PDB file of N, CA and C in Angstrom:
ATOM      1  N   MET A   1       0.837  -1.161   0.000  1.00  0.00           N
ATOM      2  CA  MET A   1       0.000   0.000   0.000  1.00  0.00           C
ATOM      3  C   MET A   1       0.888   1.230   0.000  1.00  0.00           C
ATOM      4  N   SER A   2       0.452   2.249  -0.714  1.00  0.00           N
ATOM      5  CA  SER A   2       1.194   3.504  -0.715  1.00  0.00           C
ATOM      6  C   SER A   2       0.209   4.662  -0.783  1.00  0.00           C
ATOM      7  N   ALA A   3       0.701   5.827  -0.462  1.00  0.00           N
ATOM      8  CA  ALA A   3      -0.134   7.029  -0.505  1.00  0.00           C
ATOM      9  C   ALA A   3       0.609   8.105  -1.262  1.00  0.00           C
ATOM     10  N   SER A   4      -0.137   8.907  -1.957  1.00  0.00           N
ATOM     11  CA  SER A   4       0.451  10.005  -2.701  1.00  0.00           C
ATOM     12  C   SER A   4      -0.356  11.266  -2.412  1.00  0.00           C
ATOM     13  N   ILE A   5       0.331  12.315  -2.044  1.00  0.00           N
ATOM     14  CA  ILE A   5      -0.327  13.590  -1.783  1.00  0.00           C
ATOM     15  C   ILE A   5       0.160  14.568  -2.835  1.00  0.00           C
ATOM     16  N   ARG A   6      -0.777  15.189  -3.517  1.00  0.00           N
ATOM     17  CA  ARG A   6      -0.413  16.126  -4.581  1.00  0.00           C
ATOM     18  C   ARG A   6      -1.105  17.460  -4.359  1.00  0.00           C
ATOM     19  N   GLY A   7      -0.477  18.487  -4.869  1.00  0.00           N
ATOM     20  CA  GLY A   7      -1.079  19.809  -4.810  1.00  0.00           C
ATOM     21  C   GLY A   7      -0.535  20.599  -3.640  1.00  0.00           C
ATOM     22  N   PRO A   8      -0.901  21.773  -3.449  1.00  0.00           N
ATOM     23  CA  PRO A   8      -1.782  22.528  -4.332  1.00  0.00           C
ATOM     24  C   PRO A   8      -1.088  22.848  -5.650  1.00  0.00           C
ATOM     25  N   TYR A   9      -1.872  22.975  -6.691  1.00  0.00           N
ATOM     26  CA  TYR A   9      -1.339  23.252  -8.015  1.00  0.00           C
ATOM     27  C   TYR A   9      -1.291  24.752  -8.256  1.00  0.00           C
ATOM     28  N   ASN A  10      -0.322  25.178  -9.043  1.00  0.00           N
ATOM     29  CA  ASN A  10      -0.131  26.590  -9.383  1.00  0.00           C
ATOM     30  C   ASN A  10       0.072  27.464  -8.149  1.00  0.00           C
ATOM     31  N   GLY A  11       0.509  26.865  -7.046  1.00  0.00           N
ATOM     32  CA  GLY A  11       0.778  27.628  -5.843  1.00  0.00           C
ATOM     33  C   GLY A  11      -0.454  28.180  -5.158  1.00  0.00           C
ATOM     34  N   LYS A  12      -1.639  27.752  -5.624  1.00  0.00           N
ATOM     35  CA  LYS A  12      -2.879  28.244  -5.026  1.00  0.00           C
ATOM     36  C   LYS A  12      -3.487  27.155  -4.156  1.00  0.00           C
ATOM     37  N   ILE A  13      -4.002  27.552  -3.031  1.00  0.00           N
ATOM     38  CA  ILE A  13      -4.663  26.611  -2.137  1.00  0.00           C
ATOM     39  C   ILE A  13      -6.163  26.752  -2.361  1.00  0.00           C
ATOM     40  N   PRO A  14      -6.805  25.726  -2.927  1.00  0.00           N
ATOM     41  CA  PRO A  14      -8.238  25.840  -3.180  1.00  0.00           C
ATOM     42  C   PRO A  14      -9.030  25.965  -1.881  1.00  0.00           C
ATOM     43  N   LEU A  15     -10.053  26.784  -1.906  1.00  0.00           N
ATOM     44  CA  LEU A  15     -10.966  26.994  -0.783  1.00  0.00           C
ATOM     45  C   LEU A  15     -10.301  27.603   0.443  1.00  0.00           C
ATOM     46  N   GLY A  16      -9.133  28.144   0.294  1.00  0.00           N
ATOM     47  CA  GLY A  16      -8.483  28.820   1.411  1.00  0.00           C
ATOM     48  C   GLY A  16      -7.760  27.879   2.357  1.00  0.00           C
ATOM     49  N   ASP A  17      -7.107  28.474   3.299  1.00  0.00           N
ATOM     50  CA  ASP A  17      -6.326  27.726   4.282  1.00  0.00           C
ATOM     51  C   ASP A  17      -7.215  27.463   5.497  1.00  0.00           C
ATOM     52  N   THR A  18      -7.981  26.394   5.439  1.00  0.00           N
ATOM     53  CA  THR A  18      -8.961  26.089   6.476  1.00  0.00           C
ATOM     54  C   THR A  18      -8.298  25.527   7.731  1.00  0.00           C
ATOM     55  N   ALA A  19      -9.053  25.469   8.807  1.00  0.00           N
ATOM     56  CA  ALA A  19      -8.533  24.932  10.069  1.00  0.00           C
ATOM     57  C   ALA A  19      -8.116  23.473   9.918  1.00  0.00           C
ATOM     58  N   SER A  20      -8.896  22.692   9.171  1.00  0.00           N
ATOM     59  CA  SER A  20      -8.546  21.276   8.995  1.00  0.00           C
ATOM     60  C   SER A  20      -7.271  21.116   8.174  1.00  0.00           C
ATOM     61  N   ARG A  21      -7.068  21.966   7.188  1.00  0.00           N
ATOM     62  CA  ARG A  21      -5.821  21.904   6.408  1.00  0.00           C
ATOM     63  C   ARG A  21      -4.626  22.282   7.271  1.00  0.00           C
ATOM     64  N   LYS A  22      -4.811  23.268   8.116  1.00  0.00           N
ATOM     65  CA  LYS A  22      -3.718  23.661   9.018  1.00  0.00           C
ATOM     66  C   LYS A  22      -3.377  22.521   9.967  1.00  0.00           C
ATOM     67  N   GLU A  23      -4.394  21.787  10.403  1.00  0.00           N
ATOM     68  CA  GLU A  23      -4.181  20.646  11.299  1.00  0.00           C
ATOM     69  C   GLU A  23      -3.420  19.529  10.586  1.00  0.00           C
ATOM     70  N   ILE A  24      -3.812  19.242   9.347  1.00  0.00           N
ATOM     71  CA  ILE A  24      -3.173  18.155   8.594  1.00  0.00           C
ATOM     72  C   ILE A  24      -1.786  18.569   8.117  1.00  0.00           C
ATOM     73  N   PHE A  25      -1.697  19.708   7.451  1.00  0.00           N
ATOM     74  CA  PHE A  25      -0.426  20.162   6.892  1.00  0.00           C
ATOM     75  C   PHE A  25       0.281  21.062   7.900  1.00  0.00           C
ATOM     76  N   SER A  26       0.708  20.442   8.993  1.00  0.00           N
ATOM     77  CA  SER A  26       1.338  21.164  10.095  1.00  0.00           C
ATOM     78  C   SER A  26       2.755  21.610   9.765  1.00  0.00           C
ATOM     79  N   CYS A  27       3.307  21.079   8.716  1.00  0.00           N
ATOM     80  CA  CYS A  27       4.662  21.413   8.290  1.00  0.00           C
ATOM     81  C   CYS A  27       4.617  21.778   6.808  1.00  0.00           C
ATOM     82  N   ARG A  28       5.260  22.863   6.446  1.00  0.00           N
ATOM     83  CA  ARG A  28       5.320  23.270   5.040  1.00  0.00           C
ATOM     84  C   ARG A  28       6.793  23.453   4.668  1.00  0.00           C
ATOM     85  N   PRO A  29       7.274  22.634   3.739  1.00  0.00           N
ATOM     86  CA  PRO A  29       8.692  22.724   3.372  1.00  0.00           C
ATOM     87  C   PRO A  29       9.005  24.060   2.701  1.00  0.00           C
ATOM     88  N   THR A  30      10.143  24.608   3.041  1.00  0.00           N
ATOM     89  CA  THR A  30      10.570  25.862   2.425  1.00  0.00           C
ATOM     90  C   THR A  30      11.539  25.618   1.279  1.00  0.00           C
ATOM     91  N   SER A  31      12.024  24.375   1.164  1.00  0.00           N
ATOM     92  CA  SER A  31      12.901  23.997   0.056  1.00  0.00           C
ATOM     93  C   SER A  31      12.708  22.511  -0.219  1.00  0.00           C
ATOM     94  N   SER A  32      13.220  22.056  -1.339  1.00  0.00           N
ATOM     95  CA  SER A  32      13.076  20.638  -1.686  1.00  0.00           C
ATOM     96  C   SER A  32      13.789  19.742  -0.677  1.00  0.00           C
ATOM     97  N   ARG A  33      14.809  20.268  -0.011  1.00  0.00           N
ATOM     98  CA  ARG A  33      15.513  19.470   1.005  1.00  0.00           C
ATOM     99  C   ARG A  33      14.631  19.189   2.216  1.00  0.00           C
ATOM    100  N   ASP A  34      13.654  20.056   2.467  1.00  0.00           N
ATOM    101  CA  ASP A  34      12.767  19.902   3.626  1.00  0.00           C
ATOM    102  C   ASP A  34      11.560  19.009   3.349  1.00  0.00           C
ATOM    103  N   GLU A  35      11.320  18.648   2.084  1.00  0.00           N
ATOM    104  CA  GLU A  35      10.103  17.916   1.732  1.00  0.00           C
ATOM    105  C   GLU A  35       9.981  16.578   2.452  1.00  0.00           C
ATOM    106  N   LYS A  36      11.045  15.789   2.468  1.00  0.00           N
ATOM    107  CA  LYS A  36      10.984  14.468   3.098  1.00  0.00           C
ATOM    108  C   LYS A  36      10.740  14.594   4.601  1.00  0.00           C
ATOM    109  N   ARG A  37      11.432  15.513   5.252  1.00  0.00           N
ATOM    110  CA  ARG A  37      11.269  15.720   6.691  1.00  0.00           C
ATOM    111  C   ARG A  37       9.840  16.138   7.011  1.00  0.00           C
ATOM    112  N   CYS A  38       9.278  17.035   6.221  1.00  0.00           N
ATOM    113  CA  CYS A  38       7.897  17.478   6.448  1.00  0.00           C
ATOM    114  C   CYS A  38       6.913  16.335   6.212  1.00  0.00           C
ATOM    115  N   ALA A  39       7.115  15.577   5.149  1.00  0.00           N
ATOM    116  CA  ALA A  39       6.214  14.453   4.861  1.00  0.00           C
ATOM    117  C   ALA A  39       6.236  13.444   6.002  1.00  0.00           C
ATOM    118  N   GLU A  40       7.421  13.131   6.505  1.00  0.00           N
ATOM    119  CA  GLU A  40       7.532  12.189   7.625  1.00  0.00           C
ATOM    120  C   GLU A  40       6.849  12.736   8.874  1.00  0.00           C
ATOM    121  N   SER A  41       7.006  14.016   9.114  1.00  0.00           N
ATOM    122  CA  SER A  41       6.381  14.643  10.278  1.00  0.00           C
ATOM    123  C   SER A  41       4.855  14.586  10.181  1.00  0.00           C
ATOM    124  N   ILE A  42       4.321  14.929   9.020  1.00  0.00           N
ATOM    125  CA  ILE A  42       2.870  14.909   8.809  1.00  0.00           C
ATOM    126  C   ILE A  42       2.335  13.493   8.920  1.00  0.00           C
ATOM    127  N   LEU A  43       2.991  12.544   8.238  1.00  0.00           N
ATOM    128  CA  LEU A  43       2.522  11.151   8.275  1.00  0.00           C
ATOM    129  C   LEU A  43       2.569  10.565   9.675  1.00  0.00           C
ATOM    130  N   SER A  44       3.627  10.835  10.408  1.00  0.00           N
ATOM    131  CA  SER A  44       3.724  10.248  11.747  1.00  0.00           C
ATOM    132  C   SER A  44       2.664  10.837  12.679  1.00  0.00           C
ATOM    133  N   ARG A  45       2.382  12.140  12.553  1.00  0.00           N
ATOM    134  CA  ARG A  45       1.329  12.748  13.369  1.00  0.00           C
ATOM    135  C   ARG A  45      -0.040  12.157  13.042  1.00  0.00           C
ATOM    136  N   LEU A  46      -0.343  12.039  11.744  1.00  0.00           N
ATOM    137  CA  LEU A  46      -1.638  11.481  11.342  1.00  0.00           C
ATOM    138  C   LEU A  46      -1.764  10.019  11.748  1.00  0.00           C
ATOM    139  N   ALA A  47      -0.690   9.258  11.599  1.00  0.00           N
ATOM    140  CA  ALA A  47      -0.724   7.834  11.945  1.00  0.00           C
ATOM    141  C   ALA A  47      -0.906   7.642  13.451  1.00  0.00           C
ATOM    142  N   ARG A  48      -0.246   8.467  14.261  1.00  0.00           N
ATOM    143  CA  ARG A  48      -0.436   8.374  15.718  1.00  0.00           C
ATOM    144  C   ARG A  48      -1.893   8.619  16.089  1.00  0.00           C
ATOM    145  N   LYS A  49      -2.520   9.580  15.433  1.00  0.00           N
ATOM    146  CA  LYS A  49      -3.934   9.855  15.710  1.00  0.00           C
ATOM    147  C   LYS A  49      -4.818   8.718  15.203  1.00  0.00           C
ATOM    148  N   ALA A  50      -4.508   8.188  14.032  1.00  0.00           N
ATOM    149  CA  ALA A  50      -5.326   7.128  13.449  1.00  0.00           C
ATOM    150  C   ALA A  50      -5.217   5.830  14.238  1.00  0.00           C
ATOM    151  N   TYR A  51      -3.999   5.463  14.631  1.00  0.00           N
ATOM    152  CA  TYR A  51      -3.783   4.198  15.342  1.00  0.00           C
ATOM    153  C   TYR A  51      -3.935   4.341  16.852  1.00  0.00           C
ATOM    154  N   ARG A  52      -3.997   5.587  17.332  1.00  0.00           N
ATOM    155  CA  ARG A  52      -4.186   5.875  18.757  1.00  0.00           C
ATOM    156  C   ARG A  52      -3.155   5.196  19.652  1.00  0.00           C
ATOM    157  N   GLN A  53      -1.926   5.197  19.194  1.00  0.00           N
ATOM    158  CA  GLN A  53      -0.833   4.632  19.982  1.00  0.00           C
ATOM    159  C   GLN A  53       0.489   5.183  19.462  1.00  0.00           C
ATOM    160  N   PRO A  54       1.527   5.116  20.272  1.00  0.00           N
ATOM    161  CA  PRO A  54       2.845   5.554  19.801  1.00  0.00           C
ATOM    162  C   PRO A  54       3.312   4.666  18.642  1.00  0.00           C
ATOM    163  N   LEU A  55       4.063   5.245  17.741  1.00  0.00           N
ATOM    164  CA  LEU A  55       4.572   4.507  16.589  1.00  0.00           C
ATOM    165  C   LEU A  55       6.088   4.405  16.640  1.00  0.00           C
ATOM    166  N   LEU A  56       6.582   3.333  16.083  1.00  0.00           N
ATOM    167  CA  LEU A  56       8.021   3.173  15.900  1.00  0.00           C
ATOM    168  C   LEU A  56       8.404   3.822  14.575  1.00  0.00           C
ATOM    169  N   ASP A  57       9.673   4.172  14.427  1.00  0.00           N
ATOM    170  CA  ASP A  57      10.139   4.718  13.155  1.00  0.00           C
ATOM    171  C   ASP A  57       9.865   3.749  12.017  1.00  0.00           C
ATOM    172  N   SER A  58       9.992   2.452  12.289  1.00  0.00           N
ATOM    173  CA  SER A  58       9.747   1.446  11.248  1.00  0.00           C
ATOM    174  C   SER A  58       8.284   1.448  10.805  1.00  0.00           C
ATOM    175  N   ASP A  59       7.367   1.777  11.724  1.00  0.00           N
ATOM    176  CA  ASP A  59       5.954   1.882  11.357  1.00  0.00           C
ATOM    177  C   ASP A  59       5.741   3.018  10.359  1.00  0.00           C
ATOM    178  N   VAL A  60       6.360   4.145  10.621  1.00  0.00           N
ATOM    179  CA  VAL A  60       6.229   5.306   9.741  1.00  0.00           C
ATOM    180  C   VAL A  60       6.908   5.026   8.404  1.00  0.00           C
ATOM    181  N   ASP A  61       8.039   4.333   8.422  1.00  0.00           N
ATOM    182  CA  ASP A  61       8.742   3.998   7.182  1.00  0.00           C
ATOM    183  C   ASP A  61       7.856   3.182   6.248  1.00  0.00           C
ATOM    184  N   GLU A  62       7.031   2.298   6.814  1.00  0.00           N
ATOM    185  CA  GLU A  62       6.142   1.478   5.992  1.00  0.00           C
ATOM    186  C   GLU A  62       5.068   2.310   5.313  1.00  0.00           C
ATOM    187  N   LEU A  63       4.689   3.402   5.934  1.00  0.00           N
ATOM    188  CA  LEU A  63       3.666   4.263   5.344  1.00  0.00           C
ATOM    189  C   LEU A  63       4.211   4.974   4.139  1.00  0.00           C
TER     190      LEU A  63
END
């Protein structure tokens, strides 16, 4: 299983920067070097909430 997150396109955020988007996208990379770190941070936060338990790094790596 894999997940892919795309967008926003053309640098525009559709429907504005809502509270739920701020909650999900808690990290915004400022350069391409930061993208992986931000993705890992977002995924691990969401996974902890979804699984309702602490996660190991290996758990996040599988995501």
